[in-house]
ModelCIF file with pLDDT and N, C-alpha, C, O atoms, coordinates in Angstrom:
data_MODEL
#
_entry.id   MODEL 
#
_entity.id                         1 
_entity.type                       polymer 
_entity.pdbx_number_of_molecules   1 
#
_entity_poly.entity_id                      1 
_entity_poly.type                           'polypeptide(L)' 
_entity_poly.nstd_linkage                   no 
_entity_poly.nstd_monomer                   no 
_entity_poly.pdbx_seq_one_letter_code       
;(UNK)(UNK)(UNK)(UNK)(UNK)(UNK)(UNK)(UNK)(UNK)(UNK)(UNK)(UNK)(UNK)(UNK)(UNK)(UNK)
(UNK)(UNK)(UNK)(UNK)(UNK)(UNK)(UNK)(UNK)(UNK)(UNK)(UNK)(UNK)(UNK)(UNK)(UNK)(UNK)
(UNK)(UNK)(UNK)(UNK)(UNK)(UNK)(UNK)(UNK)
;
_entity_poly.pdbx_seq_one_letter_code_can   XXXXXXXXXXXXXXXXXXXXXXXXXXXXXXXXXXXXXXXX 
_entity_poly.pdbx_strand_id                 A 
#
loop_
_entity_poly_seq.entity_id 
_entity_poly_seq.num 
_entity_poly_seq.mon_id 
_entity_poly_seq.hetero 
1 1  UNK n 
1 2  UNK n 
1 3  UNK n 
1 4  UNK n 
1 5  UNK n 
1 6  UNK n 
1 7  UNK n 
1 8  UNK n 
1 9  UNK n 
1 10 UNK n 
1 11 UNK n 
1 12 UNK n 
1 13 UNK n 
1 14 UNK n 
1 15 UNK n 
1 16 UNK n 
1 17 UNK n 
1 18 UNK n 
1 19 UNK n 
1 20 UNK n 
1 21 UNK n 
1 22 UNK n 
1 23 UNK n 
1 24 UNK n 
1 25 UNK n 
1 26 UNK n 
1 27 UNK n 
1 28 UNK n 
1 29 UNK n 
1 30 UNK n 
1 31 UNK n 
1 32 UNK n 
1 33 UNK n 
1 34 UNK n 
1 35 UNK n 
1 36 UNK n 
1 37 UNK n 
1 38 UNK n 
1 39 UNK n 
1 40 UNK n 
#
_struct_asym.id          A 
_struct_asym.entity_id   1 
#
loop_
_ma_qa_metric.id 
_ma_qa_metric.mode 
_ma_qa_metric.name 
_ma_qa_metric.software_group_id 
_ma_qa_metric.type 
1 global pLDDT . pLDDT 
2 local  pLDDT . pLDDT 
#
_ma_qa_metric_global.metric_id      1 
_ma_qa_metric_global.metric_value   96.12 
_ma_qa_metric_global.model_id       1 
_ma_qa_metric_global.ordinal_id     1 
#
loop_
_ma_qa_metric_local.label_asym_id 
_ma_qa_metric_local.label_comp_id 
_ma_qa_metric_local.label_seq_id 
_ma_qa_metric_local.metric_id 
_ma_qa_metric_local.metric_value 
_ma_qa_metric_local.model_id 
_ma_qa_metric_local.ordinal_id 
A UNK 1  2 95.00 1 1  
A UNK 2  2 95.00 1 2  
A UNK 3  2 96.00 1 3  
A UNK 4  2 95.00 1 4  
A UNK 5  2 97.00 1 5  
A UNK 6  2 97.00 1 6  
A UNK 7  2 96.00 1 7  
A UNK 8  2 96.00 1 8  
A UNK 9  2 96.00 1 9  
A UNK 10 2 96.00 1 10 
A UNK 11 2 97.00 1 11 
A UNK 12 2 96.00 1 12 
A UNK 13 2 97.00 1 13 
A UNK 14 2 98.00 1 14 
A UNK 15 2 98.00 1 15 
A UNK 16 2 98.00 1 16 
A UNK 17 2 97.00 1 17 
A UNK 18 2 97.00 1 18 
A UNK 19 2 98.00 1 19 
A UNK 20 2 97.00 1 20 
A UNK 21 2 96.00 1 21 
A UNK 22 2 97.00 1 22 
A UNK 23 2 96.00 1 23 
A UNK 24 2 97.00 1 24 
A UNK 25 2 97.00 1 25 
A UNK 26 2 95.00 1 26 
A UNK 27 2 95.00 1 27 
A UNK 28 2 92.00 1 28 
A UNK 29 2 88.00 1 29 
A UNK 30 2 92.00 1 30 
A UNK 31 2 95.00 1 31 
A UNK 32 2 94.00 1 32 
A UNK 33 2 95.00 1 33 
A UNK 34 2 97.00 1 34 
A UNK 35 2 97.00 1 35 
A UNK 36 2 98.00 1 36 
A UNK 37 2 98.00 1 37 
A UNK 38 2 98.00 1 38 
A UNK 39 2 98.00 1 39 
A UNK 40 2 98.00 1 40 
#
loop_
_atom_site.group_PDB 
_atom_site.id 
_atom_site.type_symbol 
_atom_site.label_atom_id 
_atom_site.label_alt_id 
_atom_site.label_comp_id 
_atom_site.label_asym_id 
_atom_site.label_entity_id 
_atom_site.label_seq_id 
_atom_site.pdbx_PDB_ins_code 
_atom_site.Cartn_x 
_atom_site.Cartn_y 
_atom_site.Cartn_z 
_atom_site.occupancy 
_atom_site.B_iso_or_equiv 
_atom_site.pdbx_formal_charge 
_atom_site.auth_seq_id 
_atom_site.auth_comp_id 
_atom_site.auth_asym_id 
_atom_site.auth_atom_id 
_atom_site.pdbx_PDB_model_num 
ATOM 1   N N  . UNK A 1 1  ? -70.713 -19.953 40.367 1.00 95.00 ? 1  UNK A N  1 
ATOM 2   C CA . UNK A 1 1  ? -69.972 -19.787 39.108 1.00 95.00 ? 1  UNK A CA 1 
ATOM 3   C C  . UNK A 1 1  ? -70.294 -20.946 38.169 1.00 95.00 ? 1  UNK A C  1 
ATOM 4   O O  . UNK A 1 1  ? -70.558 -20.748 36.983 1.00 95.00 ? 1  UNK A O  1 
ATOM 5   N N  . UNK A 1 2  ? -70.267 -22.151 38.716 1.00 95.00 ? 2  UNK A N  1 
ATOM 6   C CA . UNK A 1 2  ? -70.515 -23.339 37.910 1.00 95.00 ? 2  UNK A CA 1 
ATOM 7   C C  . UNK A 1 2  ? -71.929 -23.332 37.349 1.00 95.00 ? 2  UNK A C  1 
ATOM 8   O O  . UNK A 1 2  ? -72.173 -23.889 36.279 1.00 95.00 ? 2  UNK A O  1 
ATOM 9   N N  . UNK A 1 3  ? -72.867 -22.706 38.062 1.00 96.00 ? 3  UNK A N  1 
ATOM 10  C CA . UNK A 1 3  ? -74.263 -22.618 37.634 1.00 96.00 ? 3  UNK A CA 1 
ATOM 11  C C  . UNK A 1 3  ? -74.551 -21.319 36.874 1.00 96.00 ? 3  UNK A C  1 
ATOM 12  O O  . UNK A 1 3  ? -75.696 -21.039 36.520 1.00 96.00 ? 3  UNK A O  1 
ATOM 13  N N  . UNK A 1 4  ? -73.494 -20.529 36.628 1.00 95.00 ? 4  UNK A N  1 
ATOM 14  C CA . UNK A 1 4  ? -73.563 -19.274 35.876 1.00 95.00 ? 4  UNK A CA 1 
ATOM 15  C C  . UNK A 1 4  ? -74.506 -18.257 36.513 1.00 95.00 ? 4  UNK A C  1 
ATOM 16  O O  . UNK A 1 4  ? -75.230 -17.543 35.820 1.00 95.00 ? 4  UNK A O  1 
ATOM 17  N N  . UNK A 1 5  ? -74.484 -18.205 37.848 1.00 97.00 ? 5  UNK A N  1 
ATOM 18  C CA . UNK A 1 5  ? -75.308 -17.243 38.584 1.00 97.00 ? 5  UNK A CA 1 
ATOM 19  C C  . UNK A 1 5  ? -74.457 -16.034 38.975 1.00 97.00 ? 5  UNK A C  1 
ATOM 20  O O  . UNK A 1 5  ? -73.267 -16.168 39.260 1.00 97.00 ? 5  UNK A O  1 
ATOM 21  N N  . UNK A 1 6  ? -75.083 -14.850 38.985 1.00 97.00 ? 6  UNK A N  1 
ATOM 22  C CA . UNK A 1 6  ? -74.407 -13.632 39.422 1.00 97.00 ? 6  UNK A CA 1 
ATOM 23  C C  . UNK A 1 6  ? -74.231 -13.690 40.939 1.00 97.00 ? 6  UNK A C  1 
ATOM 24  O O  . UNK A 1 6  ? -75.202 -13.877 41.672 1.00 97.00 ? 6  UNK A O  1 
ATOM 25  N N  . UNK A 1 7  ? -72.999 -13.532 41.407 1.00 96.00 ? 7  UNK A N  1 
ATOM 26  C CA . UNK A 1 7  ? -72.739 -13.641 42.841 1.00 96.00 ? 7  UNK A CA 1 
ATOM 27  C C  . UNK A 1 7  ? -72.712 -12.308 43.550 1.00 96.00 ? 7  UNK A C  1 
ATOM 28  O O  . UNK A 1 7  ? -73.328 -12.149 44.604 1.00 96.00 ? 7  UNK A O  1 
ATOM 29  N N  . UNK A 1 8  ? -72.006 -11.353 42.986 1.00 96.00 ? 8  UNK A N  1 
ATOM 30  C CA . UNK A 1 8  ? -71.885 -10.065 43.655 1.00 96.00 ? 8  UNK A CA 1 
ATOM 31  C C  . UNK A 1 8  ? -71.395 -10.227 45.082 1.00 96.00 ? 8  UNK A C  1 
ATOM 32  O O  . UNK A 1 8  ? -70.359 -10.845 45.329 1.00 96.00 ? 8  UNK A O  1 
ATOM 33  N N  . UNK A 1 9  ? -72.156 -9.660  46.028 1.00 96.00 ? 9  UNK A N  1 
ATOM 34  C CA . UNK A 1 9  ? -71.755 -9.673  47.432 1.00 96.00 ? 9  UNK A CA 1 
ATOM 35  C C  . UNK A 1 9  ? -72.159 -10.956 48.167 1.00 96.00 ? 9  UNK A C  1 
ATOM 36  O O  . UNK A 1 9  ? -71.785 -11.142 49.325 1.00 96.00 ? 9  UNK A O  1 
ATOM 37  N N  . UNK A 1 10 ? -72.924 -11.851 47.506 1.00 96.00 ? 10 UNK A N  1 
ATOM 38  C CA . UNK A 1 10 ? -73.287 -13.115 48.149 1.00 96.00 ? 10 UNK A CA 1 
ATOM 39  C C  . UNK A 1 10 ? -71.993 -13.829 48.528 1.00 96.00 ? 10 UNK A C  1 
ATOM 40  O O  . UNK A 1 10 ? -71.110 -14.004 47.688 1.00 96.00 ? 10 UNK A O  1 
ATOM 41  N N  . UNK A 1 11 ? -71.878 -14.233 49.768 1.00 97.00 ? 11 UNK A N  1 
ATOM 42  C CA . UNK A 1 11 ? -70.604 -14.759 50.277 1.00 97.00 ? 11 UNK A CA 1 
ATOM 43  C C  . UNK A 1 11 ? -70.532 -16.276 50.112 1.00 97.00 ? 11 UNK A C  1 
ATOM 44  O O  . UNK A 1 11 ? -70.600 -17.023 51.087 1.00 97.00 ? 11 UNK A O  1 
ATOM 45  N N  . UNK A 1 12 ? -70.395 -16.712 48.868 1.00 96.00 ? 12 UNK A N  1 
ATOM 46  C CA . UNK A 1 12 ? -70.322 -18.130 48.539 1.00 96.00 ? 12 UNK A CA 1 
ATOM 47  C C  . UNK A 1 12 ? -68.887 -18.624 48.704 1.00 96.00 ? 12 UNK A C  1 
ATOM 48  O O  . UNK A 1 12 ? -67.954 -17.951 48.265 1.00 96.00 ? 12 UNK A O  1 
ATOM 49  N N  . UNK A 1 13 ? -68.692 -19.788 49.330 1.00 97.00 ? 13 UNK A N  1 
ATOM 50  C CA . UNK A 1 13 ? -67.347 -20.361 49.425 1.00 97.00 ? 13 UNK A CA 1 
ATOM 51  C C  . UNK A 1 13 ? -66.971 -21.032 48.106 1.00 97.00 ? 13 UNK A C  1 
ATOM 52  O O  . UNK A 1 13 ? -67.813 -21.186 47.221 1.00 97.00 ? 13 UNK A O  1 
ATOM 53  N N  . UNK A 1 14 ? -65.726 -21.424 47.978 1.00 98.00 ? 14 UNK A N  1 
ATOM 54  C CA . UNK A 1 14 ? -65.318 -22.220 46.819 1.00 98.00 ? 14 UNK A CA 1 
ATOM 55  C C  . UNK A 1 14 ? -66.067 -23.542 46.846 1.00 98.00 ? 14 UNK A C  1 
ATOM 56  O O  . UNK A 1 14 ? -66.354 -24.081 47.915 1.00 98.00 ? 14 UNK A O  1 
ATOM 57  N N  . UNK A 1 15 ? -66.379 -24.056 45.679 1.00 98.00 ? 15 UNK A N  1 
ATOM 58  C CA . UNK A 1 15 ? -66.977 -25.388 45.588 1.00 98.00 ? 15 UNK A CA 1 
ATOM 59  C C  . UNK A 1 15 ? -65.863 -26.423 45.735 1.00 98.00 ? 15 UNK A C  1 
ATOM 60  O O  . UNK A 1 15 ? -64.683 -26.074 45.723 1.00 98.00 ? 15 UNK A O  1 
ATOM 61  N N  . UNK A 1 16 ? -66.235 -27.687 45.873 1.00 98.00 ? 16 UNK A N  1 
ATOM 62  C CA . UNK A 1 16 ? -65.221 -28.753 45.941 1.00 98.00 ? 16 UNK A CA 1 
ATOM 63  C C  . UNK A 1 16 ? -64.385 -28.745 44.661 1.00 98.00 ? 16 UNK A C  1 
ATOM 64  O O  . UNK A 1 16 ? -63.164 -28.890 44.712 1.00 98.00 ? 16 UNK A O  1 
ATOM 65  N N  . UNK A 1 17 ? -65.046 -28.574 43.512 1.00 97.00 ? 17 UNK A N  1 
ATOM 66  C CA . UNK A 1 17 ? -64.314 -28.501 42.246 1.00 97.00 ? 17 UNK A CA 1 
ATOM 67  C C  . UNK A 1 17 ? -63.422 -27.257 42.210 1.00 97.00 ? 17 UNK A C  1 
ATOM 68  O O  . UNK A 1 17 ? -62.317 -27.294 41.668 1.00 97.00 ? 17 UNK A O  1 
ATOM 69  N N  . UNK A 1 18 ? -63.909 -26.163 42.788 1.00 97.00 ? 18 UNK A N  1 
ATOM 70  C CA . UNK A 1 18 ? -63.108 -24.940 42.856 1.00 97.00 ? 18 UNK A CA 1 
ATOM 71  C C  . UNK A 1 18 ? -61.851 -25.123 43.696 1.00 97.00 ? 18 UNK A C  1 
ATOM 72  O O  . UNK A 1 18 ? -60.778 -24.647 43.325 1.00 97.00 ? 18 UNK A O  1 
ATOM 73  N N  . UNK A 1 19 ? -61.982 -25.813 44.830 1.00 98.00 ? 19 UNK A N  1 
ATOM 74  C CA . UNK A 1 19 ? -60.800 -26.077 45.667 1.00 98.00 ? 19 UNK A CA 1 
ATOM 75  C C  . UNK A 1 19 ? -59.781 -26.940 44.921 1.00 98.00 ? 19 UNK A C  1 
ATOM 76  O O  . UNK A 1 19 ? -58.577 -26.697 45.003 1.00 98.00 ? 19 UNK A O  1 
ATOM 77  N N  . UNK A 1 20 ? -60.269 -27.948 44.195 1.00 97.00 ? 20 UNK A N  1 
ATOM 78  C CA . UNK A 1 20 ? -59.361 -28.800 43.414 1.00 97.00 ? 20 UNK A CA 1 
ATOM 79  C C  . UNK A 1 20 ? -58.662 -27.987 42.322 1.00 97.00 ? 20 UNK A C  1 
ATOM 80  O O  . UNK A 1 20 ? -57.472 -28.169 42.067 1.00 97.00 ? 20 UNK A O  1 
ATOM 81  N N  . UNK A 1 21 ? -59.418 -27.086 41.679 1.00 96.00 ? 21 UNK A N  1 
ATOM 82  C CA . UNK A 1 21 ? -58.824 -26.251 40.627 1.00 96.00 ? 21 UNK A CA 1 
ATOM 83  C C  . UNK A 1 21 ? -57.723 -25.360 41.198 1.00 96.00 ? 21 UNK A C  1 
ATOM 84  O O  . UNK A 1 21 ? -56.625 -25.291 40.646 1.00 96.00 ? 21 UNK A O  1 
ATOM 85  N N  . UNK A 1 22 ? -58.021 -24.679 42.305 1.00 97.00 ? 22 UNK A N  1 
ATOM 86  C CA . UNK A 1 22 ? -57.032 -23.771 42.898 1.00 97.00 ? 22 UNK A CA 1 
ATOM 87  C C  . UNK A 1 22 ? -55.805 -24.543 43.383 1.00 97.00 ? 22 UNK A C  1 
ATOM 88  O O  . UNK A 1 22 ? -54.695 -24.012 43.354 1.00 97.00 ? 22 UNK A O  1 
ATOM 89  N N  . UNK A 1 23 ? -55.988 -25.784 43.825 1.00 96.00 ? 23 UNK A N  1 
ATOM 90  C CA . UNK A 1 23 ? -54.857 -26.615 44.272 1.00 96.00 ? 23 UNK A CA 1 
ATOM 91  C C  . UNK A 1 23 ? -53.869 -26.866 43.129 1.00 96.00 ? 23 UNK A C  1 
ATOM 92  O O  . UNK A 1 23 ? -52.698 -27.156 43.374 1.00 96.00 ? 23 UNK A O  1 
ATOM 93  N N  . UNK A 1 24 ? -54.333 -26.757 41.895 1.00 97.00 ? 24 UNK A N  1 
ATOM 94  C CA . UNK A 1 24 ? -53.444 -26.943 40.730 1.00 97.00 ? 24 UNK A CA 1 
ATOM 95  C C  . UNK A 1 24 ? -52.754 -25.644 40.304 1.00 97.00 ? 24 UNK A C  1 
ATOM 96  O O  . UNK A 1 24 ? -51.809 -25.665 39.515 1.00 97.00 ? 24 UNK A O  1 
ATOM 97  N N  . UNK A 1 25 ? -53.238 -24.510 40.836 1.00 97.00 ? 25 UNK A N  1 
ATOM 98  C CA . UNK A 1 25 ? -52.679 -23.225 40.440 1.00 97.00 ? 25 UNK A CA 1 
ATOM 99  C C  . UNK A 1 25 ? -51.317 -23.003 41.083 1.00 97.00 ? 25 UNK A C  1 
ATOM 100 O O  . UNK A 1 25 ? -51.013 -23.535 42.151 1.00 97.00 ? 25 UNK A O  1 
ATOM 101 N N  . UNK A 1 26 ? -50.509 -22.201 40.399 1.00 95.00 ? 26 UNK A N  1 
ATOM 102 C CA . UNK A 1 26 ? -49.188 -21.883 40.928 1.00 95.00 ? 26 UNK A CA 1 
ATOM 103 C C  . UNK A 1 26 ? -48.785 -20.480 40.469 1.00 95.00 ? 26 UNK A C  1 
ATOM 104 O O  . UNK A 1 26 ? -48.924 -20.129 39.297 1.00 95.00 ? 26 UNK A O  1 
ATOM 105 N N  . UNK A 1 27 ? -48.290 -19.700 41.403 1.00 95.00 ? 27 UNK A N  1 
ATOM 106 C CA . UNK A 1 27 ? -47.743 -18.379 41.088 1.00 95.00 ? 27 UNK A CA 1 
ATOM 107 C C  . UNK A 1 27 ? -46.225 -18.471 41.086 1.00 95.00 ? 27 UNK A C  1 
ATOM 108 O O  . UNK A 1 27 ? -45.663 -19.242 41.863 1.00 95.00 ? 27 UNK A O  1 
ATOM 109 N N  . UNK A 1 28 ? -45.546 -17.708 40.239 1.00 92.00 ? 28 UNK A N  1 
ATOM 110 C CA . UNK A 1 28 ? -44.079 -17.681 40.317 1.00 92.00 ? 28 UNK A CA 1 
ATOM 111 C C  . UNK A 1 28 ? -43.625 -17.383 41.747 1.00 92.00 ? 28 UNK A C  1 
ATOM 112 O O  . UNK A 1 28 ? -44.192 -16.517 42.413 1.00 92.00 ? 28 UNK A O  1 
ATOM 113 N N  . UNK A 1 29 ? -42.603 -18.101 42.216 1.00 88.00 ? 29 UNK A N  1 
ATOM 114 C CA . UNK A 1 29 ? -42.154 -18.039 43.608 1.00 88.00 ? 29 UNK A CA 1 
ATOM 115 C C  . UNK A 1 29 ? -41.905 -16.651 44.150 1.00 88.00 ? 29 UNK A C  1 
ATOM 116 O O  . UNK A 1 29 ? -42.256 -16.366 45.295 1.00 88.00 ? 29 UNK A O  1 
ATOM 117 N N  . UNK A 1 30 ? -41.302 -15.770 43.348 1.00 92.00 ? 30 UNK A N  1 
ATOM 118 C CA . UNK A 1 30 ? -40.971 -14.426 43.834 1.00 92.00 ? 30 UNK A CA 1 
ATOM 119 C C  . UNK A 1 30 ? -42.217 -13.642 44.225 1.00 92.00 ? 30 UNK A C  1 
ATOM 120 O O  . UNK A 1 30 ? -42.147 -12.764 45.085 1.00 92.00 ? 30 UNK A O  1 
ATOM 121 N N  . UNK A 1 31 ? -43.358 -13.946 43.607 1.00 95.00 ? 31 UNK A N  1 
ATOM 122 C CA . UNK A 1 31 ? -44.586 -13.202 43.913 1.00 95.00 ? 31 UNK A CA 1 
ATOM 123 C C  . UNK A 1 31 ? -45.083 -13.474 45.327 1.00 95.00 ? 31 UNK A C  1 
ATOM 124 O O  . UNK A 1 31 ? -45.833 -12.669 45.881 1.00 95.00 ? 31 UNK A O  1 
ATOM 125 N N  . UNK A 1 32 ? -44.682 -14.584 45.913 1.00 94.00 ? 32 UNK A N  1 
ATOM 126 C CA . UNK A 1 32 ? -45.125 -14.912 47.271 1.00 94.00 ? 32 UNK A CA 1 
ATOM 127 C C  . UNK A 1 32 ? -44.543 -13.949 48.312 1.00 94.00 ? 32 UNK A C  1 
ATOM 128 O O  . UNK A 1 32 ? -45.075 -13.831 49.416 1.00 94.00 ? 32 UNK A O  1 
ATOM 129 N N  . UNK A 1 33 ? -43.462 -13.270 47.963 1.00 95.00 ? 33 UNK A N  1 
ATOM 130 C CA . UNK A 1 33 ? -42.844 -12.333 48.907 1.00 95.00 ? 33 UNK A CA 1 
ATOM 131 C C  . UNK A 1 33 ? -43.474 -10.937 48.842 1.00 95.00 ? 33 UNK A C  1 
ATOM 132 O O  . UNK A 1 33 ? -43.164 -10.074 49.663 1.00 95.00 ? 33 UNK A O  1 
ATOM 133 N N  . UNK A 1 34 ? -44.353 -10.722 47.867 1.00 97.00 ? 34 UNK A N  1 
ATOM 134 C CA . UNK A 1 34 ? -45.005 -9.427  47.722 1.00 97.00 ? 34 UNK A CA 1 
ATOM 135 C C  . UNK A 1 34 ? -46.042 -9.241  48.818 1.00 97.00 ? 34 UNK A C  1 
ATOM 136 O O  . UNK A 1 34 ? -46.400 -10.192 49.513 1.00 97.00 ? 34 UNK A O  1 
ATOM 137 N N  . UNK A 1 35 ? -46.517 -8.023  48.968 1.00 97.00 ? 35 UNK A N  1 
ATOM 138 C CA . UNK A 1 35 ? -47.600 -7.746  49.907 1.00 97.00 ? 35 UNK A CA 1 
ATOM 139 C C  . UNK A 1 35 ? -48.920 -8.096  49.219 1.00 97.00 ? 35 UNK A C  1 
ATOM 140 O O  . UNK A 1 35 ? -49.218 -7.581  48.141 1.00 97.00 ? 35 UNK A O  1 
ATOM 141 N N  . UNK A 1 36 ? -49.714 -8.976  49.848 1.00 98.00 ? 36 UNK A N  1 
ATOM 142 C CA . UNK A 1 36 ? -50.945 -9.471  49.231 1.00 98.00 ? 36 UNK A CA 1 
ATOM 143 C C  . UNK A 1 36 ? -52.182 -8.976  49.959 1.00 98.00 ? 36 UNK A C  1 
ATOM 144 O O  . UNK A 1 36 ? -52.189 -8.793  51.176 1.00 98.00 ? 36 UNK A O  1 
ATOM 145 N N  . UNK A 1 37 ? -53.225 -8.766  49.171 1.00 98.00 ? 37 UNK A N  1 
ATOM 146 C CA . UNK A 1 37 ? -54.530 -8.306  49.646 1.00 98.00 ? 37 UNK A CA 1 
ATOM 147 C C  . UNK A 1 37 ? -55.588 -9.222  49.042 1.00 98.00 ? 37 UNK A C  1 
ATOM 148 O O  . UNK A 1 37 ? -55.347 -9.894  48.040 1.00 98.00 ? 37 UNK A O  1 
ATOM 149 N N  . UNK A 1 38 ? -56.760 -9.238  49.664 1.00 98.00 ? 38 UNK A N  1 
ATOM 150 C CA . UNK A 1 38 ? -57.862 -10.000 49.078 1.00 98.00 ? 38 UNK A CA 1 
ATOM 151 C C  . UNK A 1 38 ? -59.171 -9.299  49.382 1.00 98.00 ? 38 UNK A C  1 
ATOM 152 O O  . UNK A 1 38 ? -59.272 -8.478  50.294 1.00 98.00 ? 38 UNK A O  1 
ATOM 153 N N  . UNK A 1 39 ? -60.162 -9.648  48.593 1.00 98.00 ? 39 UNK A N  1 
ATOM 154 C CA . UNK A 1 39 ? -61.530 -9.274  48.935 1.00 98.00 ? 39 UNK A CA 1 
ATOM 155 C C  . UNK A 1 39 ? -61.848 -9.922  50.279 1.00 98.00 ? 39 UNK A C  1 
ATOM 156 O O  . UNK A 1 39 ? -61.299 -10.978 50.593 1.00 98.00 ? 39 UNK A O  1 
ATOM 157 N N  . UNK A 1 40 ? -62.722 -9.313  51.075 1.00 98.00 ? 40 UNK A N  1 
ATOM 158 C CA . UNK A 1 40 ? -63.112 -9.941  52.334 1.00 98.00 ? 40 UNK A CA 1 
ATOM 159 C C  . UNK A 1 40 ? -64.070 -11.118 52.160 1.00 98.00 ? 40 UNK A C  1 
ATOM 160 O O  . UNK A 1 40 ? -64.475 -11.735 53.145 1.00 98.00 ? 40 UNK A O  1 
#
């Protein structure tokens, strides 16, 4: 993402900067009780 490359199905992990960014993210508390899904 940082290098602006198309990823598609390439199974790239988060970068160190990506992990730091997500660590700053926050969802409203009530959403944590919902049923969650993710891409594999």
